[in-house]
Amino acid sequence: MTSRVVLEGLEFHARHGVYDTEAVLGARFVVDAELHYDFARLPDDLRRAVNYAAVYDAIRDEVTGHRYNLIEVLTDRIARRLLQDQRRLSRVVVRVHKPFAPLPGVFRDVYAELALNREEVTS
């Protein structure tokens, strides 16, 4: 199966990070989510598909409703939640970008990525 839907560039202000200033000031986080499920010959009925609004709400809740020190942990929580909430998904790939990470130097982006199959969550 190669079908997927991608939600790209979901931006949120949140307070993840190990430093006290990150907890106080927060920063911009950007999430990409690849949603893998078989939608070949899918009837034109939202009840038979993955609901993108529900996916967005779950991602927003994980990013803005919780605080993690590590973006790796946030990435894992999002991936597992999507597979739990959306039973039609067979696989997800989640990227959490922290473009203004507190690093000493010039860089374009820092992100954590996790590809997770349903079998890895249910076993």
PDB file of N, CA and C in Angstrom:
ATOM      1  N   MET A   1       0.840  -1.177   0.000  1.00  0.00           N
ATOM      2  CA  MET A   1       0.000   0.000   0.000  1.00  0.00           C
ATOM      3  C   MET A   1       0.885   1.239   0.000  1.00  0.00           C
ATOM      4  N   THR A   2       0.590   2.171  -0.861  1.00  0.00           N
ATOM      5  CA  THR A   2       1.390   3.391  -0.925  1.00  0.00           C
ATOM      6  C   THR A   2       0.553   4.653  -0.753  1.00  0.00           C
ATOM      7  N   SER A   3      -0.687   4.501  -0.389  1.00  0.00           N
ATOM      8  CA  SER A   3      -1.528   5.694  -0.261  1.00  0.00           C
ATOM      9  C   SER A   3      -1.276   6.385   1.077  1.00  0.00           C
ATOM     10  N   ARG A   4      -1.239   7.716   1.027  1.00  0.00           N
ATOM     11  CA  ARG A   4      -1.030   8.492   2.244  1.00  0.00           C
ATOM     12  C   ARG A   4      -1.614   9.878   2.063  1.00  0.00           C
ATOM     13  N   VAL A   5      -1.965  10.475   3.174  1.00  0.00           N
ATOM     14  CA  VAL A   5      -2.398  11.860   3.238  1.00  0.00           C
ATOM     15  C   VAL A   5      -1.405  12.560   4.144  1.00  0.00           C
ATOM     16  N   VAL A   6      -0.985  13.760   3.766  1.00  0.00           N
ATOM     17  CA  VAL A   6       0.030  14.468   4.540  1.00  0.00           C
ATOM     18  C   VAL A   6      -0.536  15.788   5.049  1.00  0.00           C
ATOM     19  N   LEU A   7      -0.409  15.983   6.339  1.00  0.00           N
ATOM     20  CA  LEU A   7      -0.668  17.286   6.951  1.00  0.00           C
ATOM     21  C   LEU A   7       0.700  17.885   7.207  1.00  0.00           C
ATOM     22  N   GLU A   8       0.993  18.975   6.546  1.00  0.00           N
ATOM     23  CA  GLU A   8       2.349  19.529   6.600  1.00  0.00           C
ATOM     24  C   GLU A   8       2.325  20.969   7.103  1.00  0.00           C
ATOM     25  N   GLY A   9       3.258  21.257   7.974  1.00  0.00           N
ATOM     26  CA  GLY A   9       3.442  22.626   8.418  1.00  0.00           C
ATOM     27  C   GLY A   9       2.427  23.112   9.433  1.00  0.00           C
ATOM     28  N   LEU A  10       1.950  22.233  10.297  1.00  0.00           N
ATOM     29  CA  LEU A  10       1.027  22.651  11.349  1.00  0.00           C
ATOM     30  C   LEU A  10       1.831  23.389  12.413  1.00  0.00           C
ATOM     31  N   GLU A  11       1.529  24.653  12.639  1.00  0.00           N
ATOM     32  CA  GLU A  11       2.343  25.493  13.533  1.00  0.00           C
ATOM     33  C   GLU A  11       1.626  25.781  14.840  1.00  0.00           C
ATOM     34  N   PHE A  12       2.389  25.679  15.921  1.00  0.00           N
ATOM     35  CA  PHE A  12       1.849  25.901  17.261  1.00  0.00           C
ATOM     36  C   PHE A  12       2.887  26.623  18.112  1.00  0.00           C
ATOM     37  N   HIS A  13       2.412  27.385  19.069  1.00  0.00           N
ATOM     38  CA  HIS A  13       3.286  27.963  20.081  1.00  0.00           C
ATOM     39  C   HIS A  13       3.169  27.059  21.300  1.00  0.00           C
ATOM     40  N   ALA A  14       4.314  26.583  21.809  1.00  0.00           N
ATOM     41  CA  ALA A  14       4.299  25.665  22.947  1.00  0.00           C
ATOM     42  C   ALA A  14       5.554  25.869  23.786  1.00  0.00           C
ATOM     43  N   ARG A  15       5.638  25.158  24.883  1.00  0.00           N
ATOM     44  CA  ARG A  15       6.688  25.391  25.875  1.00  0.00           C
ATOM     45  C   ARG A  15       7.552  24.162  26.138  1.00  0.00           C
ATOM     46  N   HIS A  16       7.909  23.442  25.107  1.00  0.00           N
ATOM     47  CA  HIS A  16       8.749  22.254  25.253  1.00  0.00           C
ATOM     48  C   HIS A  16      10.218  22.647  25.291  1.00  0.00           C
ATOM     49  N   GLY A  17      10.994  21.888  26.061  1.00  0.00           N
ATOM     50  CA  GLY A  17      12.430  22.129  26.127  1.00  0.00           C
ATOM     51  C   GLY A  17      12.957  21.931  27.529  1.00  0.00           C
ATOM     52  N   VAL A  18      14.264  21.814  27.637  1.00  0.00           N
ATOM     53  CA  VAL A  18      14.889  21.536  28.932  1.00  0.00           C
ATOM     54  C   VAL A  18      15.245  22.796  29.706  1.00  0.00           C
ATOM     55  N   TYR A  19      15.257  23.947  29.054  1.00  0.00           N
ATOM     56  CA  TYR A  19      15.672  25.175  29.718  1.00  0.00           C
ATOM     57  C   TYR A  19      14.479  25.929  30.305  1.00  0.00           C
ATOM     58  N   ASP A  20      14.710  26.596  31.420  1.00  0.00           N
ATOM     59  CA  ASP A  20      13.648  27.355  32.081  1.00  0.00           C
ATOM     60  C   ASP A  20      13.043  28.417  31.166  1.00  0.00           C
ATOM     61  N   THR A  21      13.874  29.062  30.372  1.00  0.00           N
ATOM     62  CA  THR A  21      13.356  30.108  29.475  1.00  0.00           C
ATOM     63  C   THR A  21      12.393  29.530  28.445  1.00  0.00           C
ATOM     64  N   GLU A  22      12.602  28.288  28.033  1.00  0.00           N
ATOM     65  CA  GLU A  22      11.690  27.662  27.076  1.00  0.00           C
ATOM     66  C   GLU A  22      10.317  27.428  27.707  1.00  0.00           C
ATOM     67  N   ALA A  23      10.316  27.111  28.994  1.00  0.00           N
ATOM     68  CA  ALA A  23       9.050  26.907  29.698  1.00  0.00           C
ATOM     69  C   ALA A  23       8.302  28.220  29.881  1.00  0.00           C
ATOM     70  N   VAL A  24       9.041  29.295  30.057  1.00  0.00           N
ATOM     71  CA  VAL A  24       8.420  30.602  30.299  1.00  0.00           C
ATOM     72  C   VAL A  24       7.988  31.253  28.983  1.00  0.00           C
ATOM     73  N   LEU A  25       8.911  31.344  28.037  1.00  0.00           N
ATOM     74  CA  LEU A  25       8.637  32.069  26.797  1.00  0.00           C
ATOM     75  C   LEU A  25       7.963  31.218  25.727  1.00  0.00           C
ATOM     76  N   GLY A  26       8.309  29.949  25.689  1.00  0.00           N
ATOM     77  CA  GLY A  26       7.803  29.077  24.639  1.00  0.00           C
ATOM     78  C   GLY A  26       8.475  29.365  23.306  1.00  0.00           C
ATOM     79  N   ALA A  27       8.060  28.634  22.309  1.00  0.00           N
ATOM     80  CA  ALA A  27       8.645  28.770  20.977  1.00  0.00           C
ATOM     81  C   ALA A  27       7.676  28.200  19.944  1.00  0.00           C
ATOM     82  N   ARG A  28       8.026  28.389  18.698  1.00  0.00           N
ATOM     83  CA  ARG A  28       7.221  27.847  17.593  1.00  0.00           C
ATOM     84  C   ARG A  28       7.644  26.409  17.324  1.00  0.00           C
ATOM     85  N   PHE A  29       6.667  25.549  17.191  1.00  0.00           N
ATOM     86  CA  PHE A  29       6.882  24.156  16.813  1.00  0.00           C
ATOM     87  C   PHE A  29       6.052  23.884  15.574  1.00  0.00           C
ATOM     88  N   VAL A  30       6.615  23.114  14.672  1.00  0.00           N
ATOM     89  CA  VAL A  30       5.942  22.790  13.417  1.00  0.00           C
ATOM     90  C   VAL A  30       5.854  21.271  13.321  1.00  0.00           C
ATOM     91  N   VAL A  31       4.663  20.771  12.997  1.00  0.00           N
ATOM     92  CA  VAL A  31       4.447  19.326  12.925  1.00  0.00           C
ATOM     93  C   VAL A  31       4.013  18.939  11.516  1.00  0.00           C
ATOM     94  N   ASP A  32       4.617  17.861  11.020  1.00  0.00           N
ATOM     95  CA  ASP A  32       4.189  17.213   9.779  1.00  0.00           C
ATOM     96  C   ASP A  32       3.720  15.813  10.155  1.00  0.00           C
ATOM     97  N   ALA A  33       2.609  15.378   9.572  1.00  0.00           N
ATOM     98  CA  ALA A  33       2.106  14.035   9.846  1.00  0.00           C
ATOM     99  C   ALA A  33       1.719  13.362   8.532  1.00  0.00           C
ATOM    100  N   GLU A  34       2.361  12.238   8.260  1.00  0.00           N
ATOM    101  CA  GLU A  34       1.994  11.409   7.111  1.00  0.00           C
ATOM    102  C   GLU A  34       1.063  10.323   7.620  1.00  0.00           C
ATOM    103  N   LEU A  35      -0.115  10.256   7.038  1.00  0.00           N
ATOM    104  CA  LEU A  35      -1.144   9.320   7.463  1.00  0.00           C
ATOM    105  C   LEU A  35      -1.302   8.244   6.390  1.00  0.00           C
ATOM    106  N   HIS A  36      -0.848   7.068   6.689  1.00  0.00           N
ATOM    107  CA  HIS A  36      -0.889   5.966   5.719  1.00  0.00           C
ATOM    108  C   HIS A  36      -2.116   5.093   5.979  1.00  0.00           C
ATOM    109  N   TYR A  37      -2.971   4.999   4.975  1.00  0.00           N
ATOM    110  CA  TYR A  37      -4.098   4.076   5.030  1.00  0.00           C
ATOM    111  C   TYR A  37      -4.570   3.828   3.612  1.00  0.00           C
ATOM    112  N   ASP A  38      -5.221   2.710   3.423  1.00  0.00           N
ATOM    113  CA  ASP A  38      -5.648   2.319   2.088  1.00  0.00           C
ATOM    114  C   ASP A  38      -6.929   3.058   1.727  1.00  0.00           C
ATOM    115  N   PHE A  39      -6.791   4.066   0.870  1.00  0.00           N
ATOM    116  CA  PHE A  39      -7.998   4.779   0.451  1.00  0.00           C
ATOM    117  C   PHE A  39      -8.322   4.563  -1.022  1.00  0.00           C
ATOM    118  N   ALA A  40      -7.696   3.552  -1.637  1.00  0.00           N
ATOM    119  CA  ALA A  40      -8.091   3.186  -2.995  1.00  0.00           C
ATOM    120  C   ALA A  40      -9.539   2.682  -2.957  1.00  0.00           C
ATOM    121  N   ARG A  41     -10.328   3.164  -3.878  1.00  0.00           N
ATOM    122  CA  ARG A  41     -11.750   2.810  -3.988  1.00  0.00           C
ATOM    123  C   ARG A  41     -12.560   3.189  -2.749  1.00  0.00           C
ATOM    124  N   LEU A  42     -12.121   4.182  -2.040  1.00  0.00           N
ATOM    125  CA  LEU A  42     -12.829   4.653  -0.849  1.00  0.00           C
ATOM    126  C   LEU A  42     -14.128   5.325  -1.270  1.00  0.00           C
ATOM    127  N   PRO A  43     -15.246   4.976  -0.636  1.00  0.00           N
ATOM    128  CA  PRO A  43     -16.473   5.705  -0.956  1.00  0.00           C
ATOM    129  C   PRO A  43     -16.356   7.156  -0.484  1.00  0.00           C
ATOM    130  N   ASP A  44     -17.083   8.033  -1.105  1.00  0.00           N
ATOM    131  CA  ASP A  44     -17.020   9.462  -0.797  1.00  0.00           C
ATOM    132  C   ASP A  44     -17.826   9.755   0.465  1.00  0.00           C
ATOM    133  N   ASP A  45     -17.316   9.233   1.587  1.00  0.00           N
ATOM    134  CA  ASP A  45     -18.034   9.289   2.854  1.00  0.00           C
ATOM    135  C   ASP A  45     -17.004   9.452   3.974  1.00  0.00           C
ATOM    136  N   LEU A  46     -17.049  10.572   4.670  1.00  0.00           N
ATOM    137  CA  LEU A  46     -16.067  10.864   5.716  1.00  0.00           C
ATOM    138  C   LEU A  46     -16.026   9.783   6.785  1.00  0.00           C
ATOM    139  N   ARG A  47     -17.145   9.137   7.056  1.00  0.00           N
ATOM    140  CA  ARG A  47     -17.163   8.087   8.079  1.00  0.00           C
ATOM    141  C   ARG A  47     -16.278   6.901   7.720  1.00  0.00           C
ATOM    142  N   ARG A  48     -15.911   6.777   6.463  1.00  0.00           N
ATOM    143  CA  ARG A  48     -15.074   5.664   6.007  1.00  0.00           C
ATOM    144  C   ARG A  48     -13.613   6.084   5.813  1.00  0.00           C
ATOM    145  N   ALA A  49     -13.311   7.328   6.106  1.00  0.00           N
ATOM    146  CA  ALA A  49     -11.970   7.878   5.884  1.00  0.00           C
ATOM    147  C   ALA A  49     -11.358   8.312   7.214  1.00  0.00           C
ATOM    148  N   VAL A  50     -10.136   8.795   7.141  1.00  0.00           N
ATOM    149  CA  VAL A  50      -9.485   9.402   8.298  1.00  0.00           C
ATOM    150  C   VAL A  50      -9.930  10.856   8.356  1.00  0.00           C
ATOM    151  N   ASN A  51     -10.387  11.280   9.497  1.00  0.00           N
ATOM    152  CA  ASN A  51     -10.899  12.630   9.672  1.00  0.00           C
ATOM    153  C   ASN A  51      -9.730  13.574   9.997  1.00  0.00           C
ATOM    154  N   TYR A  52      -9.369  14.434   9.058  1.00  0.00           N
ATOM    155  CA  TYR A  52      -8.215  15.330   9.238  1.00  0.00           C
ATOM    156  C   TYR A  52      -8.436  16.327  10.365  1.00  0.00           C
ATOM    157  N   ALA A  53      -9.673  16.747  10.568  1.00  0.00           N
ATOM    158  CA  ALA A  53      -9.952  17.684  11.657  1.00  0.00           C
ATOM    159  C   ALA A  53      -9.671  17.029  13.004  1.00  0.00           C
ATOM    160  N   ALA A  54     -10.039  15.778  13.159  1.00  0.00           N
ATOM    161  CA  ALA A  54      -9.756  15.051  14.399  1.00  0.00           C
ATOM    162  C   ALA A  54      -8.254  14.835  14.567  1.00  0.00           C
ATOM    163  N   VAL A  55      -7.554  14.572  13.471  1.00  0.00           N
ATOM    164  CA  VAL A  55      -6.098  14.413  13.518  1.00  0.00           C
ATOM    165  C   VAL A  55      -5.462  15.730  13.963  1.00  0.00           C
ATOM    166  N   TYR A  56      -5.887  16.826  13.368  1.00  0.00           N
ATOM    167  CA  TYR A  56      -5.355  18.134  13.742  1.00  0.00           C
ATOM    168  C   TYR A  56      -5.596  18.407  15.227  1.00  0.00           C
ATOM    169  N   ASP A  57      -6.806  18.140  15.696  1.00  0.00           N
ATOM    170  CA  ASP A  57      -7.129  18.377  17.105  1.00  0.00           C
ATOM    171  C   ASP A  57      -6.241  17.557  18.034  1.00  0.00           C
ATOM    172  N   ALA A  58      -5.990  16.302  17.675  1.00  0.00           N
ATOM    173  CA  ALA A  58      -5.132  15.440  18.499  1.00  0.00           C
ATOM    174  C   ALA A  58      -3.701  15.973  18.533  1.00  0.00           C
ATOM    175  N   ILE A  59      -3.198  16.386  17.382  1.00  0.00           N
ATOM    176  CA  ILE A  59      -1.837  16.938  17.325  1.00  0.00           C
ATOM    177  C   ILE A  59      -1.765  18.220  18.143  1.00  0.00           C
ATOM    178  N   ARG A  60      -2.726  19.104  17.945  1.00  0.00           N
ATOM    179  CA  ARG A  60      -2.743  20.357  18.704  1.00  0.00           C
ATOM    180  C   ARG A  60      -2.779  20.096  20.208  1.00  0.00           C
ATOM    181  N   ASP A  61      -3.586  19.138  20.641  1.00  0.00           N
ATOM    182  CA  ASP A  61      -3.673  18.815  22.065  1.00  0.00           C
ATOM    183  C   ASP A  61      -2.341  18.310  22.606  1.00  0.00           C
ATOM    184  N   GLU A  62      -1.678  17.441  21.867  1.00  0.00           N
ATOM    185  CA  GLU A  62      -0.384  16.922  22.334  1.00  0.00           C
ATOM    186  C   GLU A  62       0.665  18.022  22.391  1.00  0.00           C
ATOM    187  N   VAL A  63       0.667  18.911  21.396  1.00  0.00           N
ATOM    188  CA  VAL A  63       1.696  19.960  21.336  1.00  0.00           C
ATOM    189  C   VAL A  63       1.431  21.059  22.360  1.00  0.00           C
ATOM    190  N   THR A  64       0.191  21.494  22.477  1.00  0.00           N
ATOM    191  CA  THR A  64      -0.094  22.649  23.337  1.00  0.00           C
ATOM    192  C   THR A  64      -0.637  22.272  24.709  1.00  0.00           C
ATOM    193  N   GLY A  65      -1.122  21.074  24.880  1.00  0.00           N
ATOM    194  CA  GLY A  65      -1.736  20.676  26.137  1.00  0.00           C
ATOM    195  C   GLY A  65      -0.819  19.949  27.096  1.00  0.00           C
ATOM    196  N   HIS A  66       0.381  19.644  26.659  1.00  0.00           N
ATOM    197  CA  HIS A  66       1.354  18.920  27.484  1.00  0.00           C
ATOM    198  C   HIS A  66       2.698  19.621  27.363  1.00  0.00           C
ATOM    199  N   ARG A  67       3.610  19.301  28.262  1.00  0.00           N
ATOM    200  CA  ARG A  67       4.966  19.864  28.174  1.00  0.00           C
ATOM    201  C   ARG A  67       5.971  18.737  28.293  1.00  0.00           C
ATOM    202  N   TYR A  68       6.880  18.680  27.336  1.00  0.00           N
ATOM    203  CA  TYR A  68       7.934  17.669  27.321  1.00  0.00           C
ATOM    204  C   TYR A  68       9.286  18.370  27.239  1.00  0.00           C
ATOM    205  N   ASN A  69      10.281  17.762  27.817  1.00  0.00           N
ATOM    206  CA  ASN A  69      11.641  18.280  27.688  1.00  0.00           C
ATOM    207  C   ASN A  69      12.183  18.027  26.286  1.00  0.00           C
ATOM    208  N   LEU A  70      11.858  16.882  25.721  1.00  0.00           N
ATOM    209  CA  LEU A  70      12.452  16.448  24.453  1.00  0.00           C
ATOM    210  C   LEU A  70      11.427  16.396  23.324  1.00  0.00           C
ATOM    211  N   ILE A  71      11.812  16.912  22.170  1.00  0.00           N
ATOM    212  CA  ILE A  71      10.906  16.819  21.018  1.00  0.00           C
ATOM    213  C   ILE A  71      10.792  15.374  20.543  1.00  0.00           C
ATOM    214  N   GLU A  72      11.754  14.540  20.867  1.00  0.00           N
ATOM    215  CA  GLU A  72      11.657  13.126  20.529  1.00  0.00           C
ATOM    216  C   GLU A  72      10.468  12.484  21.238  1.00  0.00           C
ATOM    217  N   VAL A  73      10.265  12.843  22.497  1.00  0.00           N
ATOM    218  CA  VAL A  73       9.144  12.300  23.270  1.00  0.00           C
ATOM    219  C   VAL A  73       7.827  12.843  22.730  1.00  0.00           C
ATOM    220  N   LEU A  74       7.775  14.121  22.426  1.00  0.00           N
ATOM    221  CA  LEU A  74       6.571  14.709  21.833  1.00  0.00           C
ATOM    222  C   LEU A  74       6.223  14.001  20.523  1.00  0.00           C
ATOM    223  N   THR A  75       7.202  13.743  19.697  1.00  0.00           N
ATOM    224  CA  THR A  75       6.996  13.061  18.417  1.00  0.00           C
ATOM    225  C   THR A  75       6.395  11.673  18.638  1.00  0.00           C
ATOM    226  N   ASP A  76       6.933  10.937  19.598  1.00  0.00           N
ATOM    227  CA  ASP A  76       6.426   9.605  19.927  1.00  0.00           C
ATOM    228  C   ASP A  76       4.980   9.668  20.411  1.00  0.00           C
ATOM    229  N   ARG A  77       4.670  10.612  21.274  1.00  0.00           N
ATOM    230  CA  ARG A  77       3.306  10.741  21.817  1.00  0.00           C
ATOM    231  C   ARG A  77       2.294  11.045  20.713  1.00  0.00           C
ATOM    232  N   ILE A  78       2.682  11.924  19.801  1.00  0.00           N
ATOM    233  CA  ILE A  78       1.781  12.244  18.686  1.00  0.00           C
ATOM    234  C   ILE A  78       1.538  11.011  17.827  1.00  0.00           C
ATOM    235  N   ALA A  79       2.598  10.317  17.453  1.00  0.00           N
ATOM    236  CA  ALA A  79       2.469   9.145  16.574  1.00  0.00           C
ATOM    237  C   ALA A  79       1.576   8.075  17.207  1.00  0.00           C
ATOM    238  N   ARG A  80       1.816   7.778  18.465  1.00  0.00           N
ATOM    239  CA  ARG A  80       1.023   6.746  19.150  1.00  0.00           C
ATOM    240  C   ARG A  80      -0.439   7.167  19.298  1.00  0.00           C
ATOM    241  N   ARG A  81      -0.656   8.425  19.584  1.00  0.00           N
ATOM    242  CA  ARG A  81      -2.036   8.902  19.727  1.00  0.00           C
ATOM    243  C   ARG A  81      -2.797   8.811  18.412  1.00  0.00           C
ATOM    244  N   LEU A  82      -2.146   9.192  17.321  1.00  0.00           N
ATOM    245  CA  LEU A  82      -2.827   9.121  16.028  1.00  0.00           C
ATOM    246  C   LEU A  82      -3.214   7.694  15.686  1.00  0.00           C
ATOM    247  N   LEU A  83      -2.311   6.749  15.930  1.00  0.00           N
ATOM    248  CA  LEU A  83      -2.633   5.346  15.651  1.00  0.00           C
ATOM    249  C   LEU A  83      -3.736   4.837  16.575  1.00  0.00           C
ATOM    250  N   GLN A  84      -3.751   5.306  17.800  1.00  0.00           N
ATOM    251  CA  GLN A  84      -4.791   4.898  18.743  1.00  0.00           C
ATOM    252  C   GLN A  84      -6.143   5.495  18.369  1.00  0.00           C
ATOM    253  N   ASP A  85      -6.162   6.780  18.028  1.00  0.00           N
ATOM    254  CA  ASP A  85      -7.418   7.474  17.746  1.00  0.00           C
ATOM    255  C   ASP A  85      -8.013   7.138  16.385  1.00  0.00           C
ATOM    256  N   GLN A  86      -7.168   6.928  15.401  1.00  0.00           N
ATOM    257  CA  GLN A  86      -7.627   6.716  14.017  1.00  0.00           C
ATOM    258  C   GLN A  86      -7.369   5.267  13.616  1.00  0.00           C
ATOM    259  N   ARG A  87      -8.345   4.416  13.825  1.00  0.00           N
ATOM    260  CA  ARG A  87      -8.183   2.973  13.621  1.00  0.00           C
ATOM    261  C   ARG A  87      -7.910   2.586  12.165  1.00  0.00           C
ATOM    262  N   ARG A  88      -8.213   3.440  11.225  1.00  0.00           N
ATOM    263  CA  ARG A  88      -7.969   3.109   9.816  1.00  0.00           C
ATOM    264  C   ARG A  88      -6.496   3.269   9.425  1.00  0.00           C
ATOM    265  N   LEU A  89      -5.733   3.992  10.228  1.00  0.00           N
ATOM    266  CA  LEU A  89      -4.323   4.205   9.902  1.00  0.00           C
ATOM    267  C   LEU A  89      -3.523   2.918  10.101  1.00  0.00           C
ATOM    268  N   SER A  90      -2.683   2.621   9.134  1.00  0.00           N
ATOM    269  CA  SER A  90      -1.787   1.471   9.271  1.00  0.00           C
ATOM    270  C   SER A  90      -0.384   1.908   9.672  1.00  0.00           C
ATOM    271  N   ARG A  91      -0.062   3.163   9.385  1.00  0.00           N
ATOM    272  CA  ARG A  91       1.286   3.673   9.649  1.00  0.00           C
ATOM    273  C   ARG A  91       1.216   5.193   9.718  1.00  0.00           C
ATOM    274  N   VAL A  92       2.073   5.776  10.538  1.00  0.00           N
ATOM    275  CA  VAL A  92       2.219   7.228  10.568  1.00  0.00           C
ATOM    276  C   VAL A  92       3.705   7.569  10.548  1.00  0.00           C
ATOM    277  N   VAL A  93       3.990   8.701   9.974  1.00  0.00           N
ATOM    278  CA  VAL A  93       5.318   9.297  10.072  1.00  0.00           C
ATOM    279  C   VAL A  93       5.083  10.702  10.602  1.00  0.00           C
ATOM    280  N   VAL A  94       5.690  10.987  11.751  1.00  0.00           N
ATOM    281  CA  VAL A  94       5.489  12.283  12.393  1.00  0.00           C
ATOM    282  C   VAL A  94       6.837  12.973  12.520  1.00  0.00           C
ATOM    283  N   ARG A  95       6.857  14.249  12.154  1.00  0.00           N
ATOM    284  CA  ARG A  95       8.036  15.093  12.326  1.00  0.00           C
ATOM    285  C   ARG A  95       7.653  16.280  13.191  1.00  0.00           C
ATOM    286  N   VAL A  96       8.446  16.533  14.216  1.00  0.00           N
ATOM    287  CA  VAL A  96       8.260  17.729  15.033  1.00  0.00           C
ATOM    288  C   VAL A  96       9.491  18.602  14.841  1.00  0.00           C
ATOM    289  N   HIS A  97       9.282  19.761  14.257  1.00  0.00           N
ATOM    290  CA  HIS A  97      10.353  20.715  13.983  1.00  0.00           C
ATOM    291  C   HIS A  97      10.417  21.746  15.108  1.00  0.00           C
ATOM    292  N   LYS A  98      11.631  22.095  15.476  1.00  0.00           N
ATOM    293  CA  LYS A  98      11.862  23.166  16.447  1.00  0.00           C
ATOM    294  C   LYS A  98      12.859  24.126  15.802  1.00  0.00           C
ATOM    295  N   PRO A  99      12.368  24.988  14.911  1.00  0.00           N
ATOM    296  CA  PRO A  99      13.268  25.815  14.107  1.00  0.00           C
ATOM    297  C   PRO A  99      14.051  26.854  14.899  1.00  0.00           C
ATOM    298  N   PHE A 100      13.636  27.149  16.105  1.00  0.00           N
ATOM    299  CA  PHE A 100      14.369  28.117  16.920  1.00  0.00           C
ATOM    300  C   PHE A 100      14.939  27.456  18.171  1.00  0.00           C
ATOM    301  N   ALA A 101      15.427  26.227  17.996  1.00  0.00           N
ATOM    302  CA  ALA A 101      16.039  25.510  19.121  1.00  0.00           C
ATOM    303  C   ALA A 101      17.235  26.315  19.644  1.00  0.00           C
ATOM    304  N   PRO A 102      17.461  26.279  20.951  1.00  0.00           N
ATOM    305  CA  PRO A 102      18.562  27.071  21.523  1.00  0.00           C
ATOM    306  C   PRO A 102      19.923  26.407  21.277  1.00  0.00           C
ATOM    307  N   LEU A 103      20.415  26.574  20.060  1.00  0.00           N
ATOM    308  CA  LEU A 103      21.712  26.024  19.671  1.00  0.00           C
ATOM    309  C   LEU A 103      22.684  27.160  19.372  1.00  0.00           C
ATOM    310  N   PRO A 104      23.940  26.947  19.677  1.00  0.00           N
ATOM    311  CA  PRO A 104      24.941  27.998  19.407  1.00  0.00           C
ATOM    312  C   PRO A 104      25.433  27.928  17.966  1.00  0.00           C
ATOM    313  N   GLY A 105      24.762  28.577  17.072  1.00  0.00           N
ATOM    314  CA  GLY A 105      25.197  28.553  15.679  1.00  0.00           C
ATOM    315  C   GLY A 105      24.045  28.821  14.750  1.00  0.00           C
ATOM    316  N   VAL A 106      24.362  28.876  13.485  1.00  0.00           N
ATOM    317  CA  VAL A 106      23.376  29.134  12.450  1.00  0.00           C
ATOM    318  C   VAL A 106      22.887  27.794  11.913  1.00  0.00           C
ATOM    319  N   PHE A 107      21.588  27.630  11.843  1.00  0.00           N
ATOM    320  CA  PHE A 107      21.001  26.400  11.313  1.00  0.00           C
ATOM    321  C   PHE A 107      19.618  26.709  10.773  1.00  0.00           C
ATOM    322  N   ARG A 108      19.141  25.862   9.933  1.00  0.00           N
ATOM    323  CA  ARG A 108      17.831  26.055   9.325  1.00  0.00           C
ATOM    324  C   ARG A 108      16.729  25.422  10.165  1.00  0.00           C
ATOM    325  N   ASP A 109      16.976  24.234  10.724  1.00  0.00           N
ATOM    326  CA  ASP A 109      15.906  23.514  11.396  1.00  0.00           C
ATOM    327  C   ASP A 109      16.493  22.392  12.241  1.00  0.00           C
ATOM    328  N   VAL A 110      15.764  22.020  13.252  1.00  0.00           N
ATOM    329  CA  VAL A 110      16.027  20.822  14.037  1.00  0.00           C
ATOM    330  C   VAL A 110      14.701  20.089  14.110  1.00  0.00           C
ATOM    331  N   TYR A 111      14.695  18.789  13.820  1.00  0.00           N
ATOM    332  CA  TYR A 111      13.444  18.057  13.964  1.00  0.00           C
ATOM    333  C   TYR A 111      13.699  16.620  14.356  1.00  0.00           C
ATOM    334  N   ALA A 112      12.675  16.048  14.993  1.00  0.00           N
ATOM    335  CA  ALA A 112      12.664  14.629  15.336  1.00  0.00           C
ATOM    336  C   ALA A 112      11.626  13.971  14.443  1.00  0.00           C
ATOM    337  N   GLU A 113      11.927  12.765  13.971  1.00  0.00           N
ATOM    338  CA  GLU A 113      11.014  12.044  13.078  1.00  0.00           C
ATOM    339  C   GLU A 113      10.845  10.624  13.575  1.00  0.00           C
ATOM    340  N   LEU A 114       9.603  10.158  13.545  1.00  0.00           N
ATOM    341  CA  LEU A 114       9.307   8.782  13.940  1.00  0.00           C
ATOM    342  C   LEU A 114       8.329   8.181  12.954  1.00  0.00           C
ATOM    343  N   ALA A 115       8.680   7.031  12.407  1.00  0.00           N
ATOM    344  CA  ALA A 115       7.774   6.242  11.578  1.00  0.00           C
ATOM    345  C   ALA A 115       7.322   5.066  12.438  1.00  0.00           C
ATOM    346  N   LEU A 116       6.011   4.904  12.557  1.00  0.00           N
ATOM    347  CA  LEU A 116       5.478   3.887  13.440  1.00  0.00           C
ATOM    348  C   LEU A 116       4.345   3.155  12.747  1.00  0.00           C
ATOM    349  N   ASN A 117       4.403   1.829  12.755  1.00  0.00           N
ATOM    350  CA  ASN A 117       3.356   0.987  12.191  1.00  0.00           C
ATOM    351  C   ASN A 117       2.388   0.579  13.289  1.00  0.00           C
ATOM    352  N   ARG A 118       1.157   0.331  12.904  1.00  0.00           N
ATOM    353  CA  ARG A 118       0.143  -0.079  13.878  1.00  0.00           C
ATOM    354  C   ARG A 118       0.592  -1.312  14.661  1.00  0.00           C
ATOM    355  N   GLU A 119       1.215  -2.263  14.015  1.00  0.00           N
ATOM    356  CA  GLU A 119       1.652  -3.496  14.679  1.00  0.00           C
ATOM    357  C   GLU A 119       2.639  -3.206  15.821  1.00  0.00           C
ATOM    358  N   GLU A 120       3.424  -2.144  15.674  1.00  0.00           N
ATOM    359  CA  GLU A 120       4.386  -1.797  16.707  1.00  0.00           C
ATOM    360  C   GLU A 120       3.721  -1.203  17.938  1.00  0.00           C
ATOM    361  N   VAL A 121       2.523  -0.704  17.785  1.00  0.00           N
ATOM    362  CA  VAL A 121       1.801  -0.090  18.895  1.00  0.00           C
ATOM    363  C   VAL A 121       0.926  -1.111  19.604  1.00  0.00           C
ATOM    364  N   THR A 122       0.344  -2.032  18.846  1.00  0.00           N
ATOM    365  CA  THR A 122      -0.598  -2.983  19.429  1.00  0.00           C
ATOM    366  C   THR A 122       0.073  -4.239  19.971  1.00  0.00           C
ATOM    367  N   SER A 123       1.333  -4.448  19.656  1.00  0.00           N
ATOM    368  CA  SER A 123       1.981  -5.681  20.131  1.00  0.00           C
ATOM    369  C   SER A 123       2.621  -5.494  21.488  1.00  0.00           C
TER     370      SER A 123
END
